[in-house]
C-alpha atoms as a PDB file:
ATOM      1  CA  UNK A   1     -39.938 -32.598  18.931  1.00  0.00           C
ATOM      2  CA  UNK A   2     -38.817 -29.095  19.662  1.00  0.00           C
ATOM      3  CA  UNK A   3     -35.129 -29.205  18.735  1.00  0.00           C
ATOM      4  CA  UNK A   4     -33.347 -25.967  19.695  1.00  0.00           C
ATOM      5  CA  UNK A   5     -32.689 -23.627  16.783  1.00  0.00           C
ATOM      6  CA  UNK A   6     -30.200 -20.764  16.797  1.00  0.00           C
ATOM      7  CA  UNK A   7     -31.950 -18.107  14.705  1.00  0.00           C
ATOM      8  CA  UNK A   8     -28.723 -16.274  13.932  1.00  0.00           C
ATOM      9  CA  UNK A   9     -26.725 -19.382  13.016  1.00  0.00           C
ATOM     10  CA  UNK A  10     -29.194 -22.135  12.090  1.00  0.00           C
ATOM     11  CA  UNK A  11     -27.622 -25.526  11.498  1.00  0.00           C
ATOM     12  CA  UNK A  12     -29.074 -28.357   9.373  1.00  0.00           C
ATOM     13  CA  UNK A  13     -28.825 -30.684  12.387  1.00  0.00           C
ATOM     14  CA  UNK A  14     -31.376 -28.501  14.182  1.00  0.00           C
ATOM     15  CA  UNK A  15     -33.930 -28.973  11.400  1.00  0.00           C
ATOM     16  CA  UNK A  16     -36.077 -32.105  11.681  1.00  0.00           C
ATOM     17  CA  UNK A  17     -38.892 -33.087   9.340  1.00  0.00           C
ATOM     18  CA  UNK A  18     -40.978 -34.249  12.314  1.00  0.00           C
ATOM     19  CA  UNK A  19     -40.672 -30.771  13.857  1.00  0.00           C
ATOM     20  CA  UNK A  20     -41.621 -29.151  10.570  1.00  0.00           C
ATOM     21  CA  UNK A  21     -44.663 -31.393  10.080  1.00  0.00           C
ATOM     22  CA  UNK A  22     -45.831 -30.951  13.658  1.00  0.00           C
ATOM     23  CA  UNK A  23     -45.431 -27.168  13.746  1.00  0.00           C
ATOM     24  CA  UNK A  24     -47.057 -26.652  10.337  1.00  0.00           C
ATOM     25  CA  UNK A  25     -49.978 -28.877  11.350  1.00  0.00           C
ATOM     26  CA  UNK A  26     -50.481 -26.755  14.467  1.00  0.00           C
ATOM     27  CA  UNK A  27     -50.155 -23.425  12.601  1.00  0.00           C
ATOM     28  CA  UNK A  28     -53.293 -21.900  11.153  1.00  0.00           C
ATOM     29  CA  UNK A  29     -53.194 -20.000   7.895  1.00  0.00           C
ATOM     30  CA  UNK A  30     -54.697 -16.541   7.621  1.00  0.00           C
ATOM     31  CA  UNK A  31     -53.541 -15.736  11.134  1.00  0.00           C
ATOM     32  CA  UNK A  32     -56.434 -17.848  12.443  1.00  0.00           C
ATOM     33  CA  UNK A  33     -59.101 -15.780  10.684  1.00  0.00           C
ATOM     34  CA  UNK A  34     -60.754 -18.746   8.975  1.00  0.00           C
ATOM     35  CA  UNK A  35     -64.129 -20.280   9.871  1.00  0.00           C
ATOM     36  CA  UNK A  36     -62.317 -23.456  10.947  1.00  0.00           C
ATOM     37  CA  UNK A  37     -58.697 -24.369  11.707  1.00  0.00           C
ATOM     38  CA  UNK A  38     -56.866 -24.606   8.410  1.00  0.00           C
ATOM     39  CA  UNK A  39     -53.214 -25.473   8.762  1.00  0.00           C
ATOM     40  CA  UNK A  40     -50.098 -24.645   6.819  1.00  0.00           C
ATOM     41  CA  UNK A  41     -49.445 -28.407   6.637  1.00  0.00           C
ATOM     42  CA  UNK A  42     -52.779 -28.990   4.870  1.00  0.00           C
ATOM     43  CA  UNK A  43     -52.075 -26.088   2.520  1.00  0.00           C
ATOM     44  CA  UNK A  44     -48.618 -27.521   1.729  1.00  0.00           C
ATOM     45  CA  UNK A  45     -49.961 -31.013   1.012  1.00  0.00           C
ATOM     46  CA  UNK A  46     -52.678 -29.613  -1.240  1.00  0.00           C
ATOM     47  CA  UNK A  47     -50.102 -27.503  -3.108  1.00  0.00           C
ATOM     48  CA  UNK A  48     -47.971 -30.601  -3.603  1.00  0.00           C
ATOM     49  CA  UNK A  49     -50.957 -32.481  -5.031  1.00  0.00           C
ATOM     50  CA  UNK A  50     -51.422 -29.734  -7.651  1.00  0.00           C
ATOM     51  CA  UNK A  51     -47.775 -29.716  -8.721  1.00  0.00           C
ATOM     52  CA  UNK A  52     -46.296 -31.746 -11.566  1.00  0.00           C
ATOM     53  CA  UNK A  53     -44.316 -34.746 -10.420  1.00  0.00           C
ATOM     54  CA  UNK A  54     -40.873 -33.107 -10.543  1.00  0.00           C
ATOM     55  CA  UNK A  55     -42.033 -30.123  -8.415  1.00  0.00           C
ATOM     56  CA  UNK A  56     -44.094 -31.927  -5.771  1.00  0.00           C
ATOM     57  CA  UNK A  57     -41.359 -31.802  -3.107  1.00  0.00           C
ATOM     58  CA  UNK A  58     -40.742 -28.100  -3.718  1.00  0.00           C
ATOM     59  CA  UNK A  59     -44.472 -27.429  -3.405  1.00  0.00           C
ATOM     60  CA  UNK A  60     -44.707 -29.467  -0.205  1.00  0.00           C
ATOM     61  CA  UNK A  61     -41.743 -27.690   1.393  1.00  0.00           C
ATOM     62  CA  UNK A  62     -42.376 -24.140   0.119  1.00  0.00           C
ATOM     63  CA  UNK A  63     -43.512 -22.905   3.570  1.00  0.00           C
ATOM     64  CA  UNK A  64     -41.316 -25.176   5.718  1.00  0.00           C
ATOM     65  CA  UNK A  65     -39.508 -22.204   7.297  1.00  0.00           C
ATOM     66  CA  UNK A  66     -42.836 -21.189   8.872  1.00  0.00           C
ATOM     67  CA  UNK A  67     -42.357 -24.086  11.278  1.00  0.00           C
ATOM     68  CA  UNK A  68     -39.603 -22.005  12.886  1.00  0.00           C
ATOM     69  CA  UNK A  69     -40.378 -18.349  12.208  1.00  0.00           C
ATOM     70  CA  UNK A  70     -44.171 -18.417  11.804  1.00  0.00           C
ATOM     71  CA  UNK A  71     -46.015 -16.802   8.980  1.00  0.00           C
ATOM     72  CA  UNK A  72     -46.188 -13.045   9.064  1.00  0.00           C
ATOM     73  CA  UNK A  73     -48.671 -11.313   6.752  1.00  0.00           C
ATOM     74  CA  UNK A  74     -46.841  -9.762   3.781  1.00  0.00           C
ATOM     75  CA  UNK A  75     -47.807  -6.123   4.552  1.00  0.00           C
ATOM     76  CA  UNK A  76     -46.303  -6.508   8.047  1.00  0.00           C
ATOM     77  CA  UNK A  77     -43.284  -8.494   6.832  1.00  0.00           C
ATOM     78  CA  UNK A  78     -42.233  -5.560   4.643  1.00  0.00           C
ATOM     79  CA  UNK A  79     -41.814  -3.509   7.816  1.00  0.00           C
ATOM     80  CA  UNK A  80     -39.558  -6.093   9.470  1.00  0.00           C
ATOM     81  CA  UNK A  81     -36.232  -6.316   7.584  1.00  0.00           C
ATOM     82  CA  UNK A  82     -34.470  -8.291  10.354  1.00  0.00           C
ATOM     83  CA  UNK A  83     -37.299 -10.823  10.304  1.00  0.00           C
ATOM     84  CA  UNK A  84     -36.850 -11.248   6.553  1.00  0.00           C
ATOM     85  CA  UNK A  85     -33.123 -11.922   7.003  1.00  0.00           C
ATOM     86  CA  UNK A  86     -33.759 -14.571   9.660  1.00  0.00           C
ATOM     87  CA  UNK A  87     -36.527 -16.199   7.621  1.00  0.00           C
ATOM     88  CA  UNK A  88     -34.275 -16.336   4.543  1.00  0.00           C
ATOM     89  CA  UNK A  89     -31.399 -17.828   6.542  1.00  0.00           C
ATOM     90  CA  UNK A  90     -33.619 -20.607   7.927  1.00  0.00           C
ATOM     91  CA  UNK A  91     -35.191 -21.213   4.526  1.00  0.00           C
ATOM     92  CA  UNK A  92     -31.720 -21.691   3.003  1.00  0.00           C
ATOM     93  CA  UNK A  93     -30.714 -24.180   5.702  1.00  0.00           C
ATOM     94  CA  UNK A  94     -33.902 -26.186   5.136  1.00  0.00           C
ATOM     95  CA  UNK A  95     -33.370 -26.189   1.371  1.00  0.00           C
ATOM     96  CA  UNK A  96     -29.766 -27.308   1.808  1.00  0.00           C
ATOM     97  CA  UNK A  97     -30.688 -30.065   4.259  1.00  0.00           C
ATOM     98  CA  UNK A  98     -33.406 -31.500   2.031  1.00  0.00           C
ATOM     99  CA  UNK A  99     -31.541 -31.038  -1.269  1.00  0.00           C
ATOM    100  CA  UNK A 100     -33.986 -28.463  -2.584  1.00  0.00           C
ATOM    101  CA  UNK A 101     -33.026 -25.671  -4.987  1.00  0.00           C
ATOM    102  CA  UNK A 102     -32.211 -22.325  -3.385  1.00  0.00           C
ATOM    103  CA  UNK A 103     -34.784 -20.736  -5.680  1.00  0.00           C
ATOM    104  CA  UNK A 104     -37.962 -22.684  -6.238  1.00  0.00           C
ATOM    105  CA  UNK A 105     -39.456 -23.034  -9.699  1.00  0.00           C
ATOM    106  CA  UNK A 106     -41.776 -20.152 -10.652  1.00  0.00           C
ATOM    107  CA  UNK A 107     -44.584 -22.678 -11.096  1.00  0.00           C
ATOM    108  CA  UNK A 108     -44.440 -23.442  -7.346  1.00  0.00           C
ATOM    109  CA  UNK A 109     -45.182 -19.784  -6.583  1.00  0.00           C
ATOM    110  CA  UNK A 110     -48.025 -19.874  -9.114  1.00  0.00           C
ATOM    111  CA  UNK A 111     -49.494 -22.971  -7.453  1.00  0.00           C
ATOM    112  CA  UNK A 112     -49.152 -21.333  -4.027  1.00  0.00           C
ATOM    113  CA  UNK A 113     -50.934 -18.190  -5.217  1.00  0.00           C
ATOM    114  CA  UNK A 114     -53.673 -20.119  -6.957  1.00  0.00           C
ATOM    115  CA  UNK A 115     -54.126 -22.201  -3.787  1.00  0.00           C
ATOM    116  CA  UNK A 116     -54.406 -18.947  -1.795  1.00  0.00           C
ATOM    117  CA  UNK A 117     -57.252 -17.850  -4.073  1.00  0.00           C
ATOM    118  CA  UNK A 118     -58.905 -21.282  -3.838  1.00  0.00           C
ATOM    119  CA  UNK A 119     -58.676 -21.298  -0.045  1.00  0.00           C
ATOM    120  CA  UNK A 120     -59.834 -17.702   0.325  1.00  0.00           C
ATOM    121  CA  UNK A 121     -62.908 -18.349  -1.795  1.00  0.00           C
ATOM    122  CA  UNK A 122     -63.713 -21.613   0.018  1.00  0.00           C
ATOM    123  CA  UNK A 123     -63.203 -20.015   3.433  1.00  0.00           C
ATOM    124  CA  UNK A 124     -65.533 -17.134   2.585  1.00  0.00           C
ATOM    125  CA  UNK A 125     -63.022 -14.296   2.267  1.00  0.00           C
ATOM    126  CA  UNK A 126     -64.201 -11.675  -0.218  1.00  0.00           C
ATOM    127  CA  UNK A 127     -60.705 -10.420  -1.071  1.00  0.00           C
ATOM    128  CA  UNK A 128     -59.940 -13.384  -3.328  1.00  0.00           C
ATOM    129  CA  UNK A 129     -61.570 -11.418  -6.185  1.00  0.00           C
ATOM    130  CA  UNK A 130     -58.643  -8.973  -6.123  1.00  0.00           C
ATOM    131  CA  UNK A 131     -56.331 -11.583  -7.651  1.00  0.00           C
ATOM    132  CA  UNK A 132     -56.023 -12.418 -11.351  1.00  0.00           C
ATOM    133  CA  UNK A 133     -55.608 -16.132 -10.593  1.00  0.00           C
ATOM    134  CA  UNK A 134     -58.599 -18.408 -10.780  1.00  0.00           C
ATOM    135  CA  UNK A 135     -59.301 -20.910  -8.004  1.00  0.00           C
ATOM    136  CA  UNK A 136     -58.907 -24.621  -8.570  1.00  0.00           C
ATOM    137  CA  UNK A 137     -62.518 -25.501  -9.350  1.00  0.00           C
ATOM    138  CA  UNK A 138     -62.198 -29.212  -8.590  1.00  0.00           C
ATOM    139  CA  UNK A 139     -60.617 -28.787  -5.147  1.00  0.00           C
ATOM    140  CA  UNK A 140     -62.691 -28.773  -1.970  1.00  0.00           C
ATOM    141  CA  UNK A 141     -61.225 -27.188   1.141  1.00  0.00           C
ATOM    142  CA  UNK A 142     -62.451 -29.163   4.145  1.00  0.00           C
ATOM    143  CA  UNK A 143     -61.085 -29.115   7.668  1.00  0.00           C
ATOM    144  CA  UNK A 144     -58.409 -31.630   8.585  1.00  0.00           C
ATOM    145  CA  UNK A 145     -57.475 -32.315  12.177  1.00  0.00           C
ATOM    146  CA  UNK A 146     -53.941 -31.304  13.078  1.00  0.00           C
ATOM    147  CA  UNK A 147     -53.112 -35.002  13.529  1.00  0.00           C
ATOM    148  CA  UNK A 148     -54.336 -35.840  10.042  1.00  0.00           C
ATOM    149  CA  UNK A 149     -52.523 -32.840   8.513  1.00  0.00           C
ATOM    150  CA  UNK A 150     -49.290 -33.858  10.256  1.00  0.00           C
ATOM    151  CA  UNK A 151     -49.624 -37.464   9.073  1.00  0.00           C
ATOM    152  CA  UNK A 152     -50.430 -36.409   5.474  1.00  0.00           C
ATOM    153  CA  UNK A 153     -47.479 -34.019   5.415  1.00  0.00           C
ATOM    154  CA  UNK A 154     -45.079 -36.701   6.672  1.00  0.00           C
ATOM    155  CA  UNK A 155     -46.402 -39.454   4.416  1.00  0.00           C
ATOM    156  CA  UNK A 156     -46.203 -37.134   1.403  1.00  0.00           C
ATOM    157  CA  UNK A 157     -42.659 -36.113   2.340  1.00  0.00           C
ATOM    158  CA  UNK A 158     -41.441 -39.708   2.720  1.00  0.00           C
ATOM    159  CA  UNK A 159     -43.207 -40.872  -0.428  1.00  0.00           C
ATOM    160  CA  UNK A 160     -41.586 -38.086  -2.432  1.00  0.00           C
ATOM    161  CA  UNK A 161     -38.211 -38.574  -0.762  1.00  0.00           C
ATOM    162  CA  UNK A 162     -38.251 -42.285  -1.581  1.00  0.00           C
ATOM    163  CA  UNK A 163     -39.376 -41.870  -5.187  1.00  0.00           C
ATOM    164  CA  UNK A 164     -37.571 -38.670  -6.212  1.00  0.00           C
ATOM    165  CA  UNK A 165     -33.952 -38.649  -5.149  1.00  0.00           C
ATOM    166  CA  UNK A 166     -33.157 -35.316  -6.748  1.00  0.00           C
ATOM    167  CA  UNK A 167     -35.858 -32.654  -6.513  1.00  0.00           C
ATOM    168  CA  UNK A 168     -33.814 -30.021  -8.344  1.00  0.00           C
ATOM    169  CA  UNK A 169     -35.124 -28.776 -11.662  1.00  0.00           C
END
């Protein structure tokens, strides 16, 4: 764990799925402002479960760069152009390494946004009403330990990798 990454010149050899799974499992969504720890790894696995078969890997990996650059709230990210460049560079290296398209399918973004609304409602945030998307009504958001989230992320990744050789659309 903890392979060195050059932020200005990231290399695919510096990107390891174990590092991604571990970091995402230890990273809380909503900047830690949830009633219980809720990790990016859990969010990613749940997004993957909502995706159609051919987009499951894209949905699982849609936030993988956050393992290296952390998640910055969108209103703050707009003010940090250098951060955006670094995040994009790392995202491209991850997508290249894992044979993912450089631009994910629009449905993956829709799933991510709908999951945001689902999570926000379940976690008691009132702002979820400001979105047009409806939450997934059949999905319960319950706390996972970081160990469980890490294991679920890795098992999902390897299952998808072994059953879907080409995740491009």
